[in-house]
PDB file of N, CA and C in Angstrom:
ATOM      1  N   MET A   1     -22.788  -5.490  32.505  1.00  0.00           N
ATOM      2  CA  MET A   1     -24.106  -4.919  32.377  1.00  0.00           C
ATOM      3  C   MET A   1     -25.087  -5.523  33.373  1.00  0.00           C
ATOM      4  N   CYS A   2     -24.916  -6.782  33.673  1.00  0.00           N
ATOM      5  CA  CYS A   2     -25.837  -7.491  34.571  1.00  0.00           C
ATOM      6  C   CYS A   2     -25.117  -7.797  35.876  1.00  0.00           C
ATOM      7  N   SER A   3     -25.851  -7.680  36.969  1.00  0.00           N
ATOM      8  CA  SER A   3     -25.274  -8.120  38.230  1.00  0.00           C
ATOM      9  C   SER A   3     -25.474  -9.631  38.344  1.00  0.00           C
ATOM     10  N   ALA A   4     -24.998 -10.198  39.417  1.00  0.00           N
ATOM     11  CA  ALA A   4     -25.071 -11.651  39.572  1.00  0.00           C
ATOM     12  C   ALA A   4     -26.485 -12.129  39.890  1.00  0.00           C
ATOM     13  N   GLU A   5     -27.366 -11.230  40.271  1.00  0.00           N
ATOM     14  CA  GLU A   5     -28.729 -11.620  40.626  1.00  0.00           C
ATOM     15  C   GLU A   5     -29.600 -11.696  39.377  1.00  0.00           C
ATOM     16  N   PRO A   6     -30.317 -12.803  39.184  1.00  0.00           N
ATOM     17  CA  PRO A   6     -31.167 -12.917  37.995  1.00  0.00           C
ATOM     18  C   PRO A   6     -32.351 -11.958  38.011  1.00  0.00           C
ATOM     19  N   VAL A   7     -32.712 -11.449  39.178  1.00  0.00           N
ATOM     20  CA  VAL A   7     -33.822 -10.497  39.260  1.00  0.00           C
ATOM     21  C   VAL A   7     -33.456  -9.219  38.518  1.00  0.00           C
ATOM     22  N   ASN A   8     -32.199  -8.822  38.592  1.00  0.00           N
ATOM     23  CA  ASN A   8     -31.761  -7.603  37.923  1.00  0.00           C
ATOM     24  C   ASN A   8     -31.353  -7.841  36.479  1.00  0.00           C
ATOM     25  N   CYS A   9     -31.020  -9.046  36.124  1.00  0.00           N
ATOM     26  CA  CYS A   9     -30.510  -9.323  34.788  1.00  0.00           C
ATOM     27  C   CYS A   9     -31.612  -9.294  33.731  1.00  0.00           C
ATOM     28  N   TYR A  10     -32.796  -9.782  34.036  1.00  0.00           N
ATOM     29  CA  TYR A  10     -33.872  -9.832  33.050  1.00  0.00           C
ATOM     30  C   TYR A  10     -34.311  -8.440  32.587  1.00  0.00           C
ATOM     31  N   PRO A  11     -34.553  -7.484  33.491  1.00  0.00           N
ATOM     32  CA  PRO A  11     -34.909  -6.143  33.004  1.00  0.00           C
ATOM     33  C   PRO A  11     -33.816  -5.492  32.162  1.00  0.00           C
ATOM     34  N   VAL A  12     -32.564  -5.734  32.481  1.00  0.00           N
ATOM     35  CA  VAL A  12     -31.473  -5.175  31.682  1.00  0.00           C
ATOM     36  C   VAL A  12     -31.480  -5.781  30.285  1.00  0.00           C
ATOM     37  N   LEU A  13     -31.704  -7.070  30.203  1.00  0.00           N
ATOM     38  CA  LEU A  13     -31.762  -7.744  28.900  1.00  0.00           C
ATOM     39  C   LEU A  13     -32.929  -7.219  28.070  1.00  0.00           C
ATOM     40  N   VAL A  14     -34.084  -7.030  28.671  1.00  0.00           N
ATOM     41  CA  VAL A  14     -35.238  -6.491  27.955  1.00  0.00           C
ATOM     42  C   VAL A  14     -34.951  -5.072  27.486  1.00  0.00           C
ATOM     43  N   ASN A  15     -34.271  -4.288  28.299  1.00  0.00           N
ATOM     44  CA  ASN A  15     -33.917  -2.927  27.916  1.00  0.00           C
ATOM     45  C   ASN A  15     -32.985  -2.921  26.711  1.00  0.00           C
ATOM     46  N   ILE A  16     -31.996  -3.781  26.713  1.00  0.00           N
ATOM     47  CA  ILE A  16     -31.049  -3.844  25.587  1.00  0.00           C
ATOM     48  C   ILE A  16     -31.765  -4.240  24.305  1.00  0.00           C
ATOM     49  N   ILE A  17     -32.613  -5.240  24.395  1.00  0.00           N
ATOM     50  CA  ILE A  17     -33.330  -5.718  23.203  1.00  0.00           C
ATOM     51  C   ILE A  17     -34.294  -4.651  22.686  1.00  0.00           C
ATOM     52  N   SER A  18     -35.049  -4.028  23.567  1.00  0.00           N
ATOM     53  CA  SER A  18     -36.019  -3.017  23.118  1.00  0.00           C
ATOM     54  C   SER A  18     -35.325  -1.795  22.520  1.00  0.00           C
ATOM     55  N   ASN A  19     -34.233  -1.371  23.116  1.00  0.00           N
ATOM     56  CA  ASN A  19     -33.509  -0.233  22.543  1.00  0.00           C
ATOM     57  C   ASN A  19     -32.854  -0.586  21.213  1.00  0.00           C
ATOM     58  N   THR A  20     -32.458  -1.837  21.047  1.00  0.00           N
ATOM     59  CA  THR A  20     -31.918  -2.274  19.760  1.00  0.00           C
ATOM     60  C   THR A  20     -32.987  -2.208  18.682  1.00  0.00           C
ATOM     61  N   PHE A  21     -34.201  -2.654  19.008  1.00  0.00           N
ATOM     62  CA  PHE A  21     -35.299  -2.570  18.041  1.00  0.00           C
ATOM     63  C   PHE A  21     -35.642  -1.122  17.715  1.00  0.00           C
ATOM     64  N   LEU A  22     -35.579  -0.251  18.698  1.00  0.00           N
ATOM     65  CA  LEU A  22     -35.841   1.160  18.425  1.00  0.00           C
ATOM     66  C   LEU A  22     -34.791   1.753  17.488  1.00  0.00           C
ATOM     67  N   ARG A  23     -33.535   1.371  17.661  1.00  0.00           N
ATOM     68  CA  ARG A  23     -32.478   1.868  16.778  1.00  0.00           C
ATOM     69  C   ARG A  23     -32.634   1.324  15.363  1.00  0.00           C
ATOM     70  N   LEU A  24     -33.095   0.076  15.246  1.00  0.00           N
ATOM     71  CA  LEU A  24     -33.301  -0.513  13.916  1.00  0.00           C
ATOM     72  C   LEU A  24     -34.366   0.237  13.126  1.00  0.00           C
ATOM     73  N   PHE A  25     -35.365   0.768  13.819  1.00  0.00           N
ATOM     74  CA  PHE A  25     -36.444   1.484  13.145  1.00  0.00           C
ATOM     75  C   PHE A  25     -36.194   2.994  13.116  1.00  0.00           C
ATOM     76  N   ASN A  26     -34.950   3.407  13.363  1.00  0.00           N
ATOM     77  CA  ASN A  26     -34.525   4.811  13.311  1.00  0.00           C
ATOM     78  C   ASN A  26     -35.368   5.718  14.196  1.00  0.00           C
ATOM     79  N   CYS A  27     -35.637   5.271  15.368  1.00  0.00           N
ATOM     80  CA  CYS A  27     -36.402   6.061  16.329  1.00  0.00           C
ATOM     81  C   CYS A  27     -35.420   6.742  17.285  1.00  0.00           C
ATOM     82  N   SER A  28     -35.726   7.967  17.661  1.00  0.00           N
ATOM     83  CA  SER A  28     -34.806   8.690  18.548  1.00  0.00           C
ATOM     84  C   SER A  28     -35.138   8.462  20.032  1.00  0.00           C
ATOM     85  N   ALA A  29     -36.268   7.860  20.320  1.00  0.00           N
ATOM     86  CA  ALA A  29     -36.657   7.619  21.714  1.00  0.00           C
ATOM     87  C   ALA A  29     -35.873   6.436  22.274  1.00  0.00           C
ATOM     88  N   ARG A  30     -35.712   6.440  23.559  1.00  0.00           N
ATOM     89  CA  ARG A  30     -35.040   5.348  24.254  1.00  0.00           C
ATOM     90  C   ARG A  30     -35.901   4.902  25.427  1.00  0.00           C
ATOM     91  N   ILE A  31     -35.816   3.640  25.763  1.00  0.00           N
ATOM     92  CA  ILE A  31     -36.544   3.092  26.899  1.00  0.00           C
ATOM     93  C   ILE A  31     -35.571   2.938  28.054  1.00  0.00           C
ATOM     94  N   ARG A  32     -35.963   3.457  29.197  1.00  0.00           N
ATOM     95  CA  ARG A  32     -35.153   3.306  30.407  1.00  0.00           C
ATOM     96  C   ARG A  32     -35.941   2.465  31.400  1.00  0.00           C
ATOM     97  N   ILE A  33     -35.271   1.545  32.043  1.00  0.00           N
ATOM     98  CA  ILE A  33     -35.921   0.702  33.039  1.00  0.00           C
ATOM     99  C   ILE A  33     -35.122   0.738  34.328  1.00  0.00           C
ATOM    100  N   TRP A  34     -35.761   0.354  35.406  1.00  0.00           N
ATOM    101  CA  TRP A  34     -35.083   0.190  36.678  1.00  0.00           C
ATOM    102  C   TRP A  34     -35.758  -0.942  37.413  1.00  0.00           C
ATOM    103  N   SER A  35     -35.009  -1.540  38.279  1.00  0.00           N
ATOM    104  CA  SER A  35     -35.511  -2.694  39.012  1.00  0.00           C
ATOM    105  C   SER A  35     -35.206  -2.517  40.488  1.00  0.00           C
ATOM    106  N   GLU A  36     -36.257  -2.550  41.280  1.00  0.00           N
ATOM    107  CA  GLU A  36     -36.090  -2.502  42.720  1.00  0.00           C
ATOM    108  C   GLU A  36     -37.072  -3.504  43.303  1.00  0.00           C
ATOM    109  N   LEU A  37     -36.545  -4.576  43.858  1.00  0.00           N
ATOM    110  CA  LEU A  37     -37.380  -5.677  44.295  1.00  0.00           C
ATOM    111  C   LEU A  37     -38.267  -5.295  45.472  1.00  0.00           C
ATOM    112  N   PHE A  38     -37.697  -4.692  46.480  1.00  0.00           N
ATOM    113  CA  PHE A  38     -38.444  -4.282  47.659  1.00  0.00           C
ATOM    114  C   PHE A  38     -38.211  -2.810  47.900  1.00  0.00           C
ATOM    115  N   SER A  39     -39.190  -2.172  48.499  1.00  0.00           N
ATOM    116  CA  SER A  39     -38.985  -0.766  48.831  1.00  0.00           C
ATOM    117  C   SER A  39     -37.946  -0.661  49.948  1.00  0.00           C
ATOM    118  N   ARG A  40     -37.215   0.393  49.943  1.00  0.00           N
ATOM    119  CA  ARG A  40     -36.104   0.532  50.880  1.00  0.00           C
ATOM    120  C   ARG A  40     -36.489   1.421  52.063  1.00  0.00           C
ATOM    121  N   THR A  41     -37.605   1.145  52.677  1.00  0.00           N
ATOM    122  CA  THR A  41     -37.998   1.919  53.846  1.00  0.00           C
ATOM    123  C   THR A  41     -37.286   1.373  55.071  1.00  0.00           C
ATOM    124  N   GLN A  42     -36.772   2.245  55.865  1.00  0.00           N
ATOM    125  CA  GLN A  42     -36.055   1.859  57.078  1.00  0.00           C
ATOM    126  C   GLN A  42     -36.860   2.225  58.313  1.00  0.00           C
ATOM    127  N   SER A  43     -38.166   2.187  58.203  1.00  0.00           N
ATOM    128  CA  SER A  43     -39.022   2.573  59.319  1.00  0.00           C
ATOM    129  C   SER A  43     -38.998   1.488  60.397  1.00  0.00           C
ATOM    130  N   PRO A  44     -38.661   1.833  61.641  1.00  0.00           N
ATOM    131  CA  PRO A  44     -38.675   0.828  62.708  1.00  0.00           C
ATOM    132  C   PRO A  44     -40.085   0.343  63.027  1.00  0.00           C
ATOM    133  N   ASP A  45     -41.090   1.208  62.816  1.00  0.00           N
ATOM    134  CA  ASP A  45     -42.470   0.784  63.064  1.00  0.00           C
ATOM    135  C   ASP A  45     -42.881  -0.323  62.104  1.00  0.00           C
ATOM    136  N   LEU A  46     -42.483  -0.203  60.857  1.00  0.00           N
ATOM    137  CA  LEU A  46     -42.814  -1.223  59.860  1.00  0.00           C
ATOM    138  C   LEU A  46     -42.105  -2.531  60.171  1.00  0.00           C
ATOM    139  N   LYS A  47     -40.860  -2.453  60.601  1.00  0.00           N
ATOM    140  CA  LYS A  47     -40.123  -3.667  60.961  1.00  0.00           C
ATOM    141  C   LYS A  47     -40.752  -4.352  62.170  1.00  0.00           C
ATOM    142  N   ASN A  48     -41.132  -3.570  63.176  1.00  0.00           N
ATOM    143  CA  ASN A  48     -41.784  -4.144  64.362  1.00  0.00           C
ATOM    144  C   ASN A  48     -43.115  -4.775  64.000  1.00  0.00           C
ATOM    145  N   TYR A  49     -43.893  -4.108  63.164  1.00  0.00           N
ATOM    146  CA  TYR A  49     -45.191  -4.639  62.743  1.00  0.00           C
ATOM    147  C   TYR A  49     -45.015  -5.957  62.010  1.00  0.00           C
ATOM    148  N   THR A  50     -44.053  -6.027  61.102  1.00  0.00           N
ATOM    149  CA  THR A  50     -43.806  -7.250  60.345  1.00  0.00           C
ATOM    150  C   THR A  50     -43.328  -8.360  61.262  1.00  0.00           C
ATOM    151  N   PHE A  51     -42.437  -8.043  62.185  1.00  0.00           N
ATOM    152  CA  PHE A  51     -41.922  -9.044  63.107  1.00  0.00           C
ATOM    153  C   PHE A  51     -43.031  -9.622  63.973  1.00  0.00           C
ATOM    154  N   PHE A  52     -43.846  -8.775  64.575  1.00  0.00           N
ATOM    155  CA  PHE A  52     -44.902  -9.259  65.461  1.00  0.00           C
ATOM    156  C   PHE A  52     -46.009  -9.979  64.693  1.00  0.00           C
ATOM    157  N   ASN A  53     -46.239  -9.582  63.461  1.00  0.00           N
ATOM    158  CA  ASN A  53     -47.198 -10.288  62.621  1.00  0.00           C
ATOM    159  C   ASN A  53     -46.723 -11.711  62.348  1.00  0.00           C
ATOM    160  N   CYS A  54     -45.473 -11.854  61.953  1.00  0.00           N
ATOM    161  CA  CYS A  54     -44.912 -13.183  61.684  1.00  0.00           C
ATOM    162  C   CYS A  54     -44.845 -14.020  62.955  1.00  0.00           C
ATOM    163  N   LEU A  55     -44.481 -13.399  64.055  1.00  0.00           N
ATOM    164  CA  LEU A  55     -44.397 -14.120  65.322  1.00  0.00           C
ATOM    165  C   LEU A  55     -45.765 -14.635  65.754  1.00  0.00           C
ATOM    166  N   SER A  56     -46.793 -13.810  65.647  1.00  0.00           N
ATOM    167  CA  SER A  56     -48.129 -14.261  66.049  1.00  0.00           C
ATOM    168  C   SER A  56     -48.627 -15.371  65.133  1.00  0.00           C
ATOM    169  N   TYR A  57     -48.342 -15.275  63.845  1.00  0.00           N
ATOM    170  CA  TYR A  57     -48.736 -16.335  62.921  1.00  0.00           C
ATOM    171  C   TYR A  57     -48.047 -17.651  63.278  1.00  0.00           C
ATOM    172  N   LEU A  58     -46.763 -17.609  63.567  1.00  0.00           N
ATOM    173  CA  LEU A  58     -46.033 -18.826  63.913  1.00  0.00           C
ATOM    174  C   LEU A  58     -46.501 -19.410  65.244  1.00  0.00           C
ATOM    175  N   LEU A  59     -46.843 -18.556  66.204  1.00  0.00           N
ATOM    176  CA  LEU A  59     -47.351 -19.062  67.483  1.00  0.00           C
ATOM    177  C   LEU A  59     -48.703 -19.745  67.321  1.00  0.00           C
ATOM    178  N   ILE A  60     -49.569 -19.181  66.500  1.00  0.00           N
ATOM    179  CA  ILE A  60     -50.865 -19.818  66.240  1.00  0.00           C
ATOM    180  C   ILE A  60     -50.663 -21.140  65.514  1.00  0.00           C
ATOM    181  N   LEU A  61     -49.758 -21.162  64.573  1.00  0.00           N
ATOM    182  CA  LEU A  61     -49.458 -22.400  63.849  1.00  0.00           C
ATOM    183  C   LEU A  61     -48.870 -23.445  64.788  1.00  0.00           C
ATOM    184  N   ALA A  62     -47.970 -23.039  65.661  1.00  0.00           N
ATOM    185  CA  ALA A  62     -47.346 -23.981  66.588  1.00  0.00           C
ATOM    186  C   ALA A  62     -48.351 -24.505  67.605  1.00  0.00           C
ATOM    187  N   ALA A  63     -49.345 -23.696  67.960  1.00  0.00           N
ATOM    188  CA  ALA A  63     -50.352 -24.148  68.920  1.00  0.00           C
ATOM    189  C   ALA A  63     -51.366 -25.094  68.276  1.00  0.00           C
ATOM    190  N   GLY A  64     -51.607 -24.940  66.987  1.00  0.00           N
ATOM    191  CA  GLY A  64     -52.626 -25.753  66.336  1.00  0.00           C
ATOM    192  C   GLY A  64     -52.125 -27.009  65.676  1.00  0.00           C
ATOM    193  N   LEU A  65     -50.853 -27.119  65.419  1.00  0.00           N
ATOM    194  CA  LEU A  65     -50.321 -28.274  64.693  1.00  0.00           C
ATOM    195  C   LEU A  65     -50.211 -29.548  65.526  1.00  0.00           C
ATOM    196  N   PRO A  66     -49.735 -29.541  66.761  1.00  0.00           N
ATOM    197  CA  PRO A  66     -49.630 -30.788  67.529  1.00  0.00           C
ATOM    198  C   PRO A  66     -50.957 -31.519  67.760  1.00  0.00           C
ATOM    199  N   PRO A  67     -52.065 -30.826  68.064  1.00  0.00           N
ATOM    200  CA  PRO A  67     -53.320 -31.570  68.189  1.00  0.00           C
ATOM    201  C   PRO A  67     -53.738 -32.252  66.884  1.00  0.00           C
ATOM    202  N   LEU A  68     -53.455 -31.627  65.782  1.00  0.00           N
ATOM    203  CA  LEU A  68     -53.786 -32.230  64.494  1.00  0.00           C
ATOM    204  C   LEU A  68     -53.017 -33.532  64.291  1.00  0.00           C
ATOM    205  N   LEU A  69     -51.743 -33.527  64.649  1.00  0.00           N
ATOM    206  CA  LEU A  69     -50.944 -34.743  64.514  1.00  0.00           C
ATOM    207  C   LEU A  69     -51.397 -35.812  65.502  1.00  0.00           C
ATOM    208  N   ALA A  70     -51.805 -35.406  66.701  1.00  0.00           N
ATOM    209  CA  ALA A  70     -52.265 -36.367  67.697  1.00  0.00           C
ATOM    210  C   ALA A  70     -53.574 -37.009  67.272  1.00  0.00           C
ATOM    211  N   VAL A  71     -54.487 -36.236  66.711  1.00  0.00           N
ATOM    212  CA  VAL A  71     -55.765 -36.781  66.247  1.00  0.00           C
ATOM    213  C   VAL A  71     -55.519 -37.765  65.114  1.00  0.00           C
ATOM    214  N   SER A  72     -54.598 -37.460  64.246  1.00  0.00           N
ATOM    215  CA  SER A  72     -54.295 -38.357  63.131  1.00  0.00           C
ATOM    216  C   SER A  72     -53.758 -39.687  63.628  1.00  0.00           C
ATOM    217  N   SER A  73     -52.857 -39.660  64.584  1.00  0.00           N
ATOM    218  CA  SER A  73     -52.304 -40.919  65.069  1.00  0.00           C
ATOM    219  C   SER A  73     -53.317 -41.694  65.910  1.00  0.00           C
ATOM    220  N   MET A  74     -54.245 -41.004  66.577  1.00  0.00           N
ATOM    221  CA  MET A  74     -55.306 -41.692  67.320  1.00  0.00           C
ATOM    222  C   MET A  74     -56.261 -42.393  66.361  1.00  0.00           C
ATOM    223  N   GLU A  75     -56.558 -41.767  65.231  1.00  0.00           N
ATOM    224  CA  GLU A  75     -57.406 -42.413  64.229  1.00  0.00           C
ATOM    225  C   GLU A  75     -56.721 -43.655  63.675  1.00  0.00           C
ATOM    226  N   ASP A  76     -55.416 -43.575  63.450  1.00  0.00           N
ATOM    227  CA  ASP A  76     -54.665 -44.738  62.981  1.00  0.00           C
ATOM    228  C   ASP A  76     -54.705 -45.854  64.023  1.00  0.00           C
ATOM    229  N   TYR A  77     -54.632 -45.491  65.283  1.00  0.00           N
ATOM    230  CA  TYR A  77     -54.668 -46.483  66.360  1.00  0.00           C
ATOM    231  C   TYR A  77     -56.038 -47.156  66.422  1.00  0.00           C
ATOM    232  N   LYS A  78     -57.112 -46.384  66.219  1.00  0.00           N
ATOM    233  CA  LYS A  78     -58.464 -46.925  66.293  1.00  0.00           C
ATOM    234  C   LYS A  78     -58.730 -47.948  65.183  1.00  0.00           C
ATOM    235  N   VAL A  79     -58.251 -47.656  63.992  1.00  0.00           N
ATOM    236  CA  VAL A  79     -58.497 -48.584  62.880  1.00  0.00           C
ATOM    237  C   VAL A  79     -57.404 -49.634  62.778  1.00  0.00           C
ATOM    238  N   LYS A  80     -56.441 -49.597  63.687  1.00  0.00           N
ATOM    239  CA  LYS A  80     -55.337 -50.545  63.770  1.00  0.00           C
ATOM    240  C   LYS A  80     -54.548 -50.645  62.462  1.00  0.00           C
ATOM    241  N   SER A  81     -54.222 -49.461  61.922  1.00  0.00           N
ATOM    242  CA  SER A  81     -53.436 -49.448  60.701  1.00  0.00           C
ATOM    243  C   SER A  81     -51.951 -49.536  61.032  1.00  0.00           C
ATOM    244  N   THR A  82     -51.216 -50.183  60.171  1.00  0.00           N
ATOM    245  CA  THR A  82     -49.767 -50.319  60.351  1.00  0.00           C
ATOM    246  C   THR A  82     -49.077 -49.860  59.081  1.00  0.00           C
ATOM    247  N   SER A  83     -47.861 -49.398  59.229  1.00  0.00           N
ATOM    248  CA  SER A  83     -47.079 -49.037  58.057  1.00  0.00           C
ATOM    249  C   SER A  83     -46.147 -50.174  57.710  1.00  0.00           C
ATOM    250  N   CYS A  84     -45.940 -50.369  56.441  1.00  0.00           N
ATOM    251  CA  CYS A  84     -45.104 -51.490  55.971  1.00  0.00           C
ATOM    252  C   CYS A  84     -43.655 -51.235  56.160  1.00  0.00           C
TER     253      CYS A  84
END
């Protein structure tokens, strides 16, 4: 009933439990559920947009991180701090 992924197992378990409660109360209705984690669009434009968005974010992060580390070590040098 459940696949190996826990994302799919929880909705199936909730469906089984809810339908069991409906049967206990002699109800003829049934609850159906489905689970789809991500939309399955295969648009190349969307993939390109996501790729270039992530790439630009990583480039900005890579450009801004080294000066931050250099300033931190310069401050340590100024106050003559040492690590034990």
